Amino acid sequence: RALLDSLLEAATPGTPAYAEALYWRARLAERGTDAERDYRLLAVEYAFSPRAADALVALAQLAIVRGEPQGAREPLDRLLRDHRDAASQARGQY
């Protein structure tokens, strides 16, 4: 986690490297709230990143784990709307 924080500090915001480091920081976060913050940032600010679809799925999973199935609907709807590739469509439908 410290390495990822260092990578984020060294990377220029708005670049693919920053988005990738943001994704991995979220993936390895100790707390769900920290992961959710980074996944939301990735999904909104880096919507064209290859990791944006993964971030939307992770946001939906976090909502389900919190016992908020309706909260999972928004990121999944966005996944289906914004990511038209077959893999993303299958993940969003599932």
C-alpha atoms as a PDB file:
ATOM      1  CA  ARG A   1       0.000   0.000   0.000  1.00  0.00           C
ATOM      2  CA  ALA A   2       2.846   2.390   0.753  1.00  0.00           C
ATOM      3  CA  LEU A   3       4.328   1.649  -2.660  1.00  0.00           C
ATOM      4  CA  LEU A   4       1.007   2.421  -4.336  1.00  0.00           C
ATOM      5  CA  ASP A   5       0.733   5.696  -2.435  1.00  0.00           C
ATOM      6  CA  SER A   6       4.222   6.564  -3.684  1.00  0.00           C
ATOM      7  CA  LEU A   7       3.268   5.666  -7.247  1.00  0.00           C
ATOM      8  CA  LEU A   8       0.197   7.887  -7.014  1.00  0.00           C
ATOM      9  CA  GLU A   9       2.295  10.776  -5.751  1.00  0.00           C
ATOM     10  CA  ALA A  10       4.790  10.307  -8.568  1.00  0.00           C
ATOM     11  CA  ALA A  11       2.212   9.857 -11.337  1.00  0.00           C
ATOM     12  CA  THR A  12       0.558  12.777 -13.035  1.00  0.00           C
ATOM     13  CA  PRO A  13      -3.191  12.912 -12.396  1.00  0.00           C
ATOM     14  CA  GLY A  14      -5.153  12.232 -15.553  1.00  0.00           C
ATOM     15  CA  THR A  15      -2.653   9.755 -16.952  1.00  0.00           C
ATOM     16  CA  PRO A  16      -3.138   6.027 -17.503  1.00  0.00           C
ATOM     17  CA  ALA A  17      -0.411   5.341 -14.915  1.00  0.00           C
ATOM     18  CA  TYR A  18      -2.337   7.309 -12.297  1.00  0.00           C
ATOM     19  CA  ALA A  19      -5.554   5.422 -13.083  1.00  0.00           C
ATOM     20  CA  GLU A  20      -3.776   2.072 -12.816  1.00  0.00           C
ATOM     21  CA  ALA A  21      -2.198   2.968  -9.460  1.00  0.00           C
ATOM     22  CA  LEU A  22      -5.577   4.219  -8.228  1.00  0.00           C
ATOM     23  CA  TYR A  23      -7.192   0.911  -9.189  1.00  0.00           C
ATOM     24  CA  TRP A  24      -4.602  -1.138  -7.320  1.00  0.00           C
ATOM     25  CA  ARG A  25      -4.773   1.092  -4.265  1.00  0.00           C
ATOM     26  CA  ALA A  26      -8.532   0.503  -4.172  1.00  0.00           C
ATOM     27  CA  ARG A  27      -8.093  -3.210  -4.741  1.00  0.00           C
ATOM     28  CA  LEU A  28      -5.678  -3.519  -1.810  1.00  0.00           C
ATOM     29  CA  ALA A  29      -7.370  -1.055   0.550  1.00  0.00           C
ATOM     30  CA  GLU A  30      -7.821  -2.102   4.167  1.00  0.00           C
ATOM     31  CA  ARG A  31     -11.247  -0.477   4.510  1.00  0.00           C
ATOM     32  CA  GLY A  32     -14.220  -0.633   2.202  1.00  0.00           C
ATOM     33  CA  THR A  33     -14.719   3.122   2.444  1.00  0.00           C
ATOM     34  CA  ASP A  34     -11.200   3.741   1.122  1.00  0.00           C
ATOM     35  CA  ALA A  35     -11.724   1.274  -1.710  1.00  0.00           C
ATOM     36  CA  GLU A  36     -15.085   2.830  -2.554  1.00  0.00           C
ATOM     37  CA  ARG A  37     -13.572   6.322  -2.709  1.00  0.00           C
ATOM     38  CA  ASP A  38     -10.879   5.213  -5.154  1.00  0.00           C
ATOM     39  CA  TYR A  39     -13.244   3.091  -7.256  1.00  0.00           C
ATOM     40  CA  ARG A  40     -15.660   6.029  -7.557  1.00  0.00           C
ATOM     41  CA  LEU A  41     -12.860   8.353  -8.569  1.00  0.00           C
ATOM     42  CA  LEU A  42     -11.691   5.846 -11.135  1.00  0.00           C
ATOM     43  CA  ALA A  43     -15.198   5.269 -12.516  1.00  0.00           C
ATOM     44  CA  VAL A  44     -15.947   8.998 -12.825  1.00  0.00           C
ATOM     45  CA  GLU A  45     -12.659  10.761 -13.527  1.00  0.00           C
ATOM     46  CA  TYR A  46     -11.078   7.934 -15.523  1.00  0.00           C
ATOM     47  CA  ALA A  47     -14.176   6.548 -17.232  1.00  0.00           C
ATOM     48  CA  PHE A  48     -12.175   5.635 -20.342  1.00  0.00           C
ATOM     49  CA  SER A  49      -9.539   3.721 -18.410  1.00  0.00           C
ATOM     50  CA  PRO A  50      -9.370  -0.033 -19.008  1.00  0.00           C
ATOM     51  CA  ARG A  51     -10.018  -0.379 -15.242  1.00  0.00           C
ATOM     52  CA  ALA A  52     -13.245   1.672 -15.174  1.00  0.00           C
ATOM     53  CA  ALA A  53     -15.481  -1.357 -15.808  1.00  0.00           C
ATOM     54  CA  ASP A  54     -13.740  -3.272 -13.019  1.00  0.00           C
ATOM     55  CA  ALA A  55     -14.254  -0.303 -10.695  1.00  0.00           C
ATOM     56  CA  LEU A  56     -17.995  -0.253 -11.428  1.00  0.00           C
ATOM     57  CA  VAL A  57     -18.295  -3.977 -10.693  1.00  0.00           C
ATOM     58  CA  ALA A  58     -16.343  -3.504  -7.459  1.00  0.00           C
ATOM     59  CA  LEU A  59     -18.662  -0.653  -6.408  1.00  0.00           C
ATOM     60  CA  ALA A  60     -21.660  -2.908  -6.973  1.00  0.00           C
ATOM     61  CA  GLN A  61     -20.034  -5.696  -4.973  1.00  0.00           C
ATOM     62  CA  LEU A  62     -19.309  -3.346  -2.086  1.00  0.00           C
ATOM     63  CA  ALA A  63     -22.958  -2.259  -2.032  1.00  0.00           C
ATOM     64  CA  ILE A  64     -24.128  -5.874  -1.972  1.00  0.00           C
ATOM     65  CA  VAL A  65     -21.743  -6.723   0.875  1.00  0.00           C
ATOM     66  CA  ARG A  66     -23.123  -3.760   2.841  1.00  0.00           C
ATOM     67  CA  GLY A  67     -26.605  -5.200   2.390  1.00  0.00           C
ATOM     68  CA  GLU A  68     -27.655  -2.516  -0.088  1.00  0.00           C
ATOM     69  CA  PRO A  69     -28.650  -4.387  -3.255  1.00  0.00           C
ATOM     70  CA  GLN A  70     -30.387  -1.279  -4.632  1.00  0.00           C
ATOM     71  CA  GLY A  71     -27.087   0.580  -4.263  1.00  0.00           C
ATOM     72  CA  ALA A  72     -25.517  -1.931  -6.633  1.00  0.00           C
ATOM     73  CA  ARG A  73     -27.957  -1.033  -9.372  1.00  0.00           C
ATOM     74  CA  GLU A  74     -26.462   2.364 -10.298  1.00  0.00           C
ATOM     75  CA  PRO A  75     -22.918   1.161 -11.013  1.00  0.00           C
ATOM     76  CA  LEU A  76     -24.221  -1.890 -12.863  1.00  0.00           C
ATOM     77  CA  ASP A  77     -26.587   0.211 -14.967  1.00  0.00           C
ATOM     78  CA  ARG A  78     -23.678   2.484 -15.778  1.00  0.00           C
ATOM     79  CA  LEU A  79     -21.531  -0.516 -16.668  1.00  0.00           C
ATOM     80  CA  LEU A  80     -24.177  -1.742 -19.106  1.00  0.00           C
ATOM     81  CA  ARG A  81     -24.674   1.731 -20.575  1.00  0.00           C
ATOM     82  CA  ASP A  82     -21.045   2.838 -20.910  1.00  0.00           C
ATOM     83  CA  HIS A  83     -19.146  -0.394 -21.568  1.00  0.00           C
ATOM     84  CA  ARG A  84     -20.526  -2.196 -24.591  1.00  0.00           C
ATOM     85  CA  ASP A  85     -17.939  -4.965 -24.876  1.00  0.00           C
ATOM     86  CA  ALA A  86     -19.226  -8.510 -24.408  1.00  0.00           C
ATOM     87  CA  ALA A  87     -17.321  -9.184 -21.177  1.00  0.00           C
ATOM     88  CA  SER A  88     -18.638  -6.036 -19.466  1.00  0.00           C
ATOM     89  CA  GLN A  89     -22.164  -6.708 -20.667  1.00  0.00           C
ATOM     90  CA  ALA A  90     -22.044 -10.245 -19.278  1.00  0.00           C
ATOM     91  CA  ARG A  91     -20.687  -9.040 -15.931  1.00  0.00           C
ATOM     92  CA  GLY A  92     -23.327  -6.322 -15.669  1.00  0.00           C
ATOM     93  CA  GLN A  93     -26.173  -8.683 -16.527  1.00  0.00           C
ATOM     94  CA  TYR A  94     -24.971 -11.334 -14.098  1.00  0.00           C
END
